[in-house]
Amino acid sequence: MTKVFVSGCFDMLHSGHVAFIEEAATYGEVYVGVGSDRTVARLKGRPPVNSEAERLYMIKALRAVKDAWVNGGGGLMDFADDVRGLKPDVFLVNAEGATPEKEALCREIGARYVVGARTPSPGLPARSTSSYREECRIPYRIDLAGGWLDQPGFSELAPGPVLTVSIEPDMEFIDLAGMATSTRKKAIELWSTQLPAGDPVKTGRTLFCYENPPGKKMISGSQDALGIALPGFNRLDYSGDFWPSAIVPCHDGEVLSWLERHVHLLFVKQRAPDYDPYPGSDITAAKAETLAAAADWCWRGALDRDLDLFAKGFLGSFEAQVGMLPSMLTPEVERMIAAHRGRALAWKMVGAGGGGYMAFVASAPAADMIPVRIRRGTL
């Protein structure tokens, strides 16, 4: 009998999941790899609604399933070793889950790689897990280089750019992890599930002012509000003020696709609520100038799609930040860097450090890295 393999999280099991597995059954006996709780939390930035034991129980109860298990690995290819052991004849994926890595694995083991149609059962609507939630399309942001220069205490020593990309909310990033989630919550208070139409710079200014009302003692940097509001890849030049003196956007599709291919995320740990990056700080004009120069290299490297120059600026930005604020570099961050030093060209925290998400630059991402999708649009 033909063996067919499918894999997924299967959280909040719904008719779309069942239709996918029934489609797999048209090719032969269905074997299902279920993502572990740890994998779901790492890839989606939140724990699953249903535990791996409950998800496995429900999948095994489906009449179309021959057998199922919790995948033994981690990351986007958590099933790789299980598939090599199973040696299926067919590996079925849906369109959203199709990747070159899965196709390469099929070539390795001699399996047929099939991208399914994900057709709902007659009379039923198309379903996805997100359809059970009120879908919030307000983006997150990643600062690629120059972070801290949006604070006057840094940019008044050396003016320079902060580079941000606006990220589609394809997953739920956890709080206190460097993805501007606090600012995003303010955006949700203002606009519920969608950013308003109109000038995104004005949207960013509105969000910045709402997050920093008169009398607030600690002013949140405007790179968070602008990083959320401005689509694409943006250079925000700061020179001693909370608001940038210039905003230079990049909406070149080739540049954005290049960034998506080479910049990926990994979750380290949620930083402590009382985390303070300033103890032991050594903020000098020379170090601020180094940070600004590194961010400029990163910008030029991205526009030219020069991976070496981009990685130089990316890593240089992180090293300059840590040189000024050594508390950013925790033992967990150091362990993550050590684990990926041979596989990545550069790395940095995407926020204030102390935990959260790390961004890695690589010619090809490791299987456990989280891909990102940059929000397209123009100013």
Protein backbone atom coordinates (compact mmCIF):
# COMPACT_ATOMS: atom_id res chain seq x y z
CA MET A 1 0.00 0.00 0.00
CA THR A 2 1.22 3.52 -0.82
CA LYS A 3 2.38 5.41 2.29
CA VAL A 4 1.52 9.14 2.43
CA PHE A 5 3.06 11.51 4.96
CA VAL A 6 1.68 14.85 6.13
CA SER A 7 2.85 17.07 8.95
CA GLY A 8 1.45 20.04 10.84
CA CYS A 9 0.58 21.61 14.17
CA PHE A 10 -3.15 20.79 13.89
CA ASP A 11 -3.98 23.18 16.71
CA MET A 12 -7.70 23.85 17.21
CA LEU A 13 -8.58 21.02 14.81
CA HIS A 14 -11.08 22.19 12.16
CA SER A 15 -12.65 21.13 8.86
CA GLY A 16 -9.72 22.48 6.86
CA HIS A 17 -7.38 20.09 8.68
CA VAL A 18 -9.76 17.19 8.07
CA ALA A 19 -10.11 18.04 4.36
CA PHE A 20 -6.33 18.15 4.03
CA ILE A 21 -5.94 14.71 5.59
CA GLU A 22 -8.79 13.32 3.49
CA GLU A 23 -7.04 14.66 0.40
CA ALA A 24 -3.89 12.84 1.53
CA ALA A 25 -5.94 9.63 1.85
CA THR A 26 -6.72 9.75 -1.88
CA TYR A 27 -3.05 8.89 -2.46
CA GLY A 28 -2.78 6.00 0.03
CA GLU A 29 -2.45 5.25 3.74
CA VAL A 30 -1.96 8.44 5.75
CA TYR A 31 0.77 8.88 8.37
CA VAL A 32 0.77 12.16 10.29
CA GLY A 33 3.61 13.95 12.09
CA VAL A 34 2.31 16.39 14.71
CA GLY A 35 4.44 19.34 15.82
CA SER A 36 5.46 19.22 19.48
CA ASP A 37 4.42 21.89 21.97
CA ARG A 38 8.01 23.13 22.00
CA THR A 39 8.12 23.42 18.21
CA VAL A 40 4.78 25.24 18.03
CA ALA A 41 5.86 27.72 20.70
CA ARG A 42 9.18 28.34 18.94
CA LEU A 43 7.74 28.78 15.44
CA LYS A 44 4.55 30.65 16.28
CA GLY A 45 5.83 32.60 19.26
CA ARG A 46 3.02 31.30 21.49
CA PRO A 47 2.10 27.98 23.05
CA PRO A 48 -0.55 25.89 21.25
CA VAL A 49 -4.13 26.11 22.42
CA ASN A 50 -4.27 22.31 22.60
CA SER A 51 -1.37 20.28 24.00
CA GLU A 52 0.56 17.84 21.83
CA ALA A 53 -1.12 14.91 23.64
CA GLU A 54 -4.58 16.27 22.86
CA ARG A 55 -3.69 17.16 19.27
CA LEU A 56 -2.21 13.70 18.68
CA TYR A 57 -5.30 12.05 20.20
CA MET A 58 -7.64 13.96 17.84
CA ILE A 59 -5.52 13.25 14.76
CA LYS A 60 -5.34 9.54 15.54
CA ALA A 61 -9.14 9.50 15.94
CA LEU A 62 -9.67 10.55 12.30
CA ARG A 63 -10.77 7.59 10.18
CA ALA A 64 -8.43 8.56 7.33
CA VAL A 65 -5.31 8.32 9.52
CA LYS A 66 -3.34 5.06 9.57
CA ASP A 67 -0.91 6.23 12.27
CA ALA A 68 0.37 9.45 13.86
CA TRP A 69 3.06 10.61 16.27
CA VAL A 70 4.67 13.75 17.69
CA ASN A 71 7.62 14.71 15.52
CA GLY A 72 10.96 14.08 17.19
CA GLY A 73 12.87 17.09 15.89
CA GLY A 74 12.45 20.85 16.14
CA GLY A 75 11.93 23.81 13.83
CA LEU A 76 10.36 23.94 10.40
CA MET A 77 11.77 20.52 9.49
CA ASP A 78 10.95 18.82 12.81
CA PHE A 79 9.73 15.72 10.95
CA ALA A 80 12.90 15.10 8.91
CA ASP A 81 14.23 12.11 10.86
CA ASP A 82 10.73 10.63 11.20
CA VAL A 83 10.24 10.84 7.44
CA ARG A 84 13.58 9.18 6.78
CA GLY A 85 12.49 6.34 9.05
CA LEU A 86 9.01 6.04 7.52
CA LYS A 87 10.22 6.22 3.88
CA PRO A 88 6.84 7.37 2.49
CA ASP A 89 5.97 7.15 -1.17
CA VAL A 90 4.21 10.55 -1.12
CA PHE A 91 4.79 13.71 0.98
CA LEU A 92 1.74 16.00 0.77
CA VAL A 93 2.01 19.66 1.79
CA ASN A 94 -0.39 22.57 1.42
CA ALA A 95 0.55 25.65 -0.61
CA GLU A 96 1.47 27.68 2.48
CA GLY A 97 3.76 24.92 3.73
CA ALA A 98 5.61 24.21 0.47
CA THR A 99 9.36 24.85 0.83
CA PRO A 100 12.51 23.95 -1.11
CA GLU A 101 13.80 22.11 1.98
CA LYS A 102 10.82 19.74 1.98
CA GLU A 103 11.19 19.13 -1.72
CA ALA A 104 14.90 18.39 -1.26
CA LEU A 105 14.09 15.89 1.50
CA CYS A 106 11.72 14.10 -0.87
CA ARG A 107 14.45 13.85 -3.49
CA GLU A 108 16.78 12.44 -0.85
CA ILE A 109 14.40 9.63 0.18
CA GLY A 110 12.81 9.07 -3.24
CA ALA A 111 9.32 10.27 -2.28
CA ARG A 112 6.87 12.06 -4.54
CA TYR A 113 6.41 15.68 -3.47
CA VAL A 114 2.80 16.87 -3.84
CA VAL A 115 1.39 20.32 -3.12
CA GLY A 116 -2.26 19.86 -2.16
CA ALA A 117 -5.20 21.93 -3.30
CA ARG A 118 -6.66 22.42 0.21
CA THR A 119 -10.19 22.20 -1.19
CA PRO A 120 -12.91 22.37 1.49
CA SER A 121 -15.52 19.64 1.71
CA PRO A 122 -18.59 20.43 -0.44
CA GLY A 123 -20.88 22.88 1.29
CA LEU A 124 -18.29 23.92 3.91
CA PRO A 125 -16.27 27.16 3.97
CA ALA A 126 -12.50 27.22 3.55
CA ARG A 127 -10.96 27.09 7.03
CA SER A 128 -7.67 27.94 8.66
CA THR A 129 -6.81 28.19 12.36
CA SER A 130 -6.66 31.99 12.09
CA SER A 131 -10.28 32.01 10.89
CA TYR A 132 -11.27 31.05 14.44
CA ARG A 133 -9.67 34.19 15.82
CA GLU A 134 -10.46 37.82 15.10
CA GLU A 135 -7.61 38.26 12.69
CA CYS A 136 -5.43 41.25 13.51
CA ARG A 137 -3.43 42.46 10.52
CA ILE A 138 -1.46 45.13 12.41
CA PRO A 139 2.21 44.33 11.71
CA TYR A 140 5.23 43.93 13.93
CA ARG A 141 8.64 45.45 13.29
CA ILE A 142 12.24 44.31 13.27
CA ASP A 143 15.10 46.76 13.72
CA LEU A 144 17.89 45.48 11.49
CA ALA A 145 20.59 47.92 12.55
CA GLY A 146 21.23 51.14 14.43
CA GLY A 147 18.77 50.50 17.24
CA TRP A 148 19.20 52.92 20.20
CA LEU A 149 19.94 55.82 17.86
CA ASP A 150 16.26 56.75 18.11
CA GLN A 151 17.07 57.83 21.66
CA PRO A 152 18.51 61.38 21.84
CA GLY A 153 21.10 60.27 24.41
CA PHE A 154 22.72 58.26 21.61
CA SER A 155 22.09 60.21 18.40
CA GLU A 156 23.13 63.54 19.91
CA LEU A 157 26.58 61.95 20.33
CA ALA A 158 26.61 60.69 16.74
CA PRO A 159 23.72 61.11 14.28
CA GLY A 160 22.88 58.04 12.27
CA PRO A 161 20.23 55.68 10.92
CA VAL A 162 17.99 53.04 12.42
CA LEU A 163 16.90 50.45 9.83
CA THR A 164 13.49 48.83 10.25
CA VAL A 165 11.28 46.40 8.35
CA SER A 166 7.55 46.03 8.86
CA ILE A 167 6.61 42.37 9.33
CA GLU A 168 3.27 40.79 8.44
CA PRO A 169 1.60 39.16 11.48
CA ASP A 170 1.84 35.61 10.13
CA MET A 171 2.59 34.44 13.67
CA GLU A 172 1.98 35.80 17.13
CA PHE A 173 5.23 37.09 18.58
CA ILE A 174 5.30 36.95 22.36
CA ASP A 175 5.54 40.02 24.58
CA LEU A 176 8.84 41.32 25.99
CA ALA A 177 10.77 39.89 23.06
CA GLY A 178 11.90 42.84 20.94
CA MET A 179 9.21 42.89 18.23
CA ALA A 180 7.61 46.20 19.35
CA THR A 181 4.68 44.31 20.89
CA SER A 182 4.01 47.07 23.44
CA THR A 183 3.71 49.63 20.66
CA ARG A 184 1.60 47.22 18.62
CA LYS A 185 -0.83 46.90 21.55
CA LYS A 186 -1.22 50.66 21.50
CA ALA A 187 -1.96 50.45 17.77
CA ILE A 188 -4.62 47.82 18.51
CA GLU A 189 -6.15 50.15 21.13
CA LEU A 190 -6.36 52.86 18.48
CA TRP A 191 -7.38 50.92 15.37
CA SER A 192 -8.44 47.43 16.47
CA THR A 193 -7.32 45.07 13.67
CA GLN A 194 -6.07 47.25 10.79
CA LEU A 195 -3.81 50.25 10.39
CA PRO A 196 -5.74 53.23 9.00
CA ALA A 197 -5.58 54.18 5.35
CA GLY A 198 -3.64 57.27 4.43
CA ASP A 199 -0.13 58.60 4.99
CA PRO A 200 1.80 55.97 6.99
CA VAL A 201 4.19 58.62 8.35
CA LYS A 202 1.21 60.38 9.93
CA THR A 203 0.02 57.01 11.23
CA GLY A 204 3.44 56.46 12.79
CA ARG A 205 3.42 59.92 14.37
CA THR A 206 -0.08 59.37 15.77
CA LEU A 207 0.99 56.04 17.26
CA PHE A 208 4.19 57.54 18.71
CA CYS A 209 2.24 60.37 20.36
CA TYR A 210 -0.40 57.98 21.70
CA GLU A 211 2.26 55.75 23.26
CA ASN A 212 4.09 58.76 24.74
CA PRO A 213 1.48 61.13 26.21
CA PRO A 214 2.51 64.34 27.98
CA GLY A 215 4.11 63.62 31.34
CA LYS A 216 5.47 60.18 30.46
CA LYS A 217 8.94 59.85 31.98
CA MET A 218 10.45 57.13 29.76
CA ILE A 219 9.83 57.95 26.10
CA SER A 220 9.55 54.94 23.81
CA GLY A 221 11.65 55.34 20.67
CA SER A 222 9.84 56.32 17.50
CA GLN A 223 11.48 53.50 15.52
CA ASP A 224 8.85 51.18 17.05
CA ALA A 225 5.87 53.24 15.87
CA LEU A 226 7.41 53.97 12.49
CA GLY A 227 8.63 50.40 12.06
CA ILE A 228 5.04 49.22 12.45
CA ALA A 229 3.41 51.96 10.39
CA LEU A 230 5.80 52.21 7.42
CA PRO A 231 5.62 49.33 4.94
CA GLY A 232 8.77 47.85 3.45
CA PHE A 233 12.35 48.56 4.49
CA ASN A 234 13.06 52.00 5.93
CA ARG A 235 16.01 54.12 6.97
CA LEU A 236 15.19 56.51 9.84
CA ASP A 237 17.94 59.10 10.35
CA TYR A 238 18.19 60.52 13.87
CA SER A 239 20.20 63.53 14.98
CA GLY A 240 19.52 64.25 18.64
CA ASP A 241 15.71 64.17 18.65
CA PHE A 242 13.02 61.56 19.30
CA TRP A 243 11.67 61.96 15.76
CA PRO A 244 13.88 61.24 12.73
CA SER A 245 15.24 64.13 10.72
CA ALA A 246 14.76 62.10 7.52
CA ILE A 247 12.91 58.96 6.44
CA VAL A 248 14.21 57.08 3.40
CA PRO A 249 11.95 54.21 2.28
CA CYS A 250 12.84 51.21 0.15
CA HIS A 251 9.98 49.38 -1.55
CA ASP A 252 12.03 47.61 -4.21
CA GLY A 253 10.52 44.12 -4.42
CA GLU A 254 13.84 42.51 -5.25
CA VAL A 255 15.49 44.04 -2.17
CA LEU A 256 12.61 43.00 0.08
CA SER A 257 12.65 39.44 -1.27
CA TRP A 258 16.42 39.34 -0.80
CA LEU A 259 16.01 40.38 2.84
CA GLU A 260 13.35 37.70 3.37
CA ARG A 261 15.73 35.06 2.01
CA HIS A 262 18.63 36.06 4.23
CA VAL A 263 17.15 37.35 7.53
CA HIS A 264 15.42 34.90 9.87
CA LEU A 265 14.48 34.81 13.54
CA LEU A 266 15.06 32.53 16.50
CA PHE A 267 13.43 32.82 19.90
CA VAL A 268 15.82 32.89 22.86
CA LYS A 269 13.61 33.46 25.91
CA GLN A 270 11.20 36.08 27.11
CA ARG A 271 13.12 38.85 28.83
CA ALA A 272 12.34 39.61 32.45
CA PRO A 273 9.64 42.26 33.04
CA ASP A 274 12.09 44.27 35.15
CA TYR A 275 14.95 43.99 32.64
CA ASP A 276 17.10 47.14 32.49
CA PRO A 277 19.76 47.38 29.76
CA TYR A 278 21.56 50.37 31.29
CA PRO A 279 23.56 48.93 34.24
CA GLY A 280 27.23 48.85 33.26
CA SER A 281 26.62 51.03 30.21
CA ASP A 282 29.47 52.87 28.51
CA ILE A 283 27.84 55.22 26.02
CA THR A 284 30.45 57.33 24.26
CA ALA A 285 30.57 59.38 21.08
CA ALA A 286 33.10 56.99 19.53
CA LYS A 287 30.90 53.96 20.19
CA ALA A 288 27.80 55.75 18.92
CA GLU A 289 29.72 56.65 15.74
CA THR A 290 30.61 52.96 15.32
CA LEU A 291 26.93 52.04 15.64
CA ALA A 292 25.92 54.66 13.06
CA ALA A 293 28.61 53.54 10.61
CA ALA A 294 27.59 49.90 10.95
CA ALA A 295 23.95 50.75 10.25
CA ASP A 296 25.02 52.66 7.13
CA TRP A 297 26.98 49.62 5.87
CA CYS A 298 23.91 47.49 6.49
CA TRP A 299 21.72 49.87 4.47
CA ARG A 300 24.11 49.99 1.53
CA GLY A 301 24.61 46.24 1.62
CA ALA A 302 20.86 45.61 1.45
CA LEU A 303 20.26 48.05 -1.41
CA ASP A 304 23.14 46.52 -3.38
CA ARG A 305 22.18 42.99 -2.28
CA ASP A 306 25.76 42.57 -1.12
CA LEU A 307 25.48 39.85 1.52
CA ASP A 308 28.99 40.32 2.90
CA LEU A 309 28.58 44.08 3.40
CA PHE A 310 25.09 43.63 4.81
CA ALA A 311 26.31 41.01 7.29
CA LYS A 312 29.26 43.21 8.26
CA GLY A 313 26.93 46.08 9.13
CA PHE A 314 24.39 43.78 10.82
CA LEU A 315 26.95 42.18 13.13
CA GLY A 316 28.80 45.47 13.59
CA SER A 317 25.58 47.09 14.77
CA PHE A 318 25.06 44.39 17.41
CA GLU A 319 28.67 44.53 18.58
CA ALA A 320 28.45 48.32 18.89
CA GLN A 321 25.23 48.02 20.91
CA VAL A 322 26.74 45.45 23.26
CA GLY A 323 29.85 47.61 23.59
CA MET A 324 27.68 50.39 24.97
CA LEU A 325 25.12 48.24 26.80
CA PRO A 326 26.76 44.96 27.86
CA SER A 327 23.64 43.89 29.79
CA MET A 328 22.02 43.16 26.41
CA LEU A 329 24.21 40.06 26.13
CA THR A 330 22.82 37.41 28.48
CA PRO A 331 24.16 33.84 28.86
CA GLU A 332 21.16 32.57 26.86
CA VAL A 333 21.99 34.94 24.00
CA GLU A 334 25.63 33.87 24.08
CA ARG A 335 24.61 30.21 23.89
CA MET A 336 22.36 30.91 20.91
CA ILE A 337 25.19 32.70 19.11
CA ALA A 338 27.59 29.82 19.82
CA ALA A 339 25.09 27.30 18.47
CA HIS A 340 24.71 29.16 15.17
CA ARG A 341 28.15 30.67 14.71
CA GLY A 342 29.08 28.18 11.99
CA ARG A 343 25.75 28.45 10.17
CA ALA A 344 25.16 32.21 10.17
CA LEU A 345 27.11 35.19 8.88
CA ALA A 346 25.79 37.66 11.45
CA TRP A 347 23.36 38.00 14.33
CA LYS A 348 21.78 40.57 16.63
CA MET A 349 18.92 41.08 19.05
CA VAL A 350 15.90 42.67 17.41
CA GLY A 351 15.10 44.79 20.46
CA ALA A 352 16.67 46.03 23.66
CA GLY A 353 18.33 42.70 24.48
CA GLY A 354 18.11 40.61 27.62
CA GLY A 355 16.19 37.93 25.74
CA GLY A 356 13.50 37.85 23.10
CA TYR A 357 14.09 37.15 19.42
CA MET A 358 17.42 37.13 17.66
CA ALA A 359 17.79 37.83 13.95
CA PHE A 360 20.36 35.88 11.96
CA VAL A 361 21.81 36.60 8.53
CA ALA A 362 22.60 33.49 6.52
CA SER A 363 23.08 32.54 2.90
CA ALA A 364 20.52 29.79 3.59
CA PRO A 365 18.49 29.59 6.83
CA ALA A 366 18.81 26.73 9.28
CA ALA A 367 15.76 24.49 9.63
CA ASP A 368 14.90 25.85 13.08
CA MET A 369 14.83 29.50 12.01
CA ILE A 370 11.57 31.45 11.65
CA PRO A 371 11.01 33.07 8.23
CA VAL A 372 9.48 36.53 8.02
CA ARG A 373 7.33 38.23 5.40
CA ILE A 374 7.91 41.95 4.87
CA ARG A 375 4.79 44.06 4.42
CA ARG A 376 4.67 45.52 0.93
CA GLY A 377 3.35 48.99 0.09
CA THR A 378 4.51 52.48 -0.75
CA LEU A 379 4.61 55.84 0.93
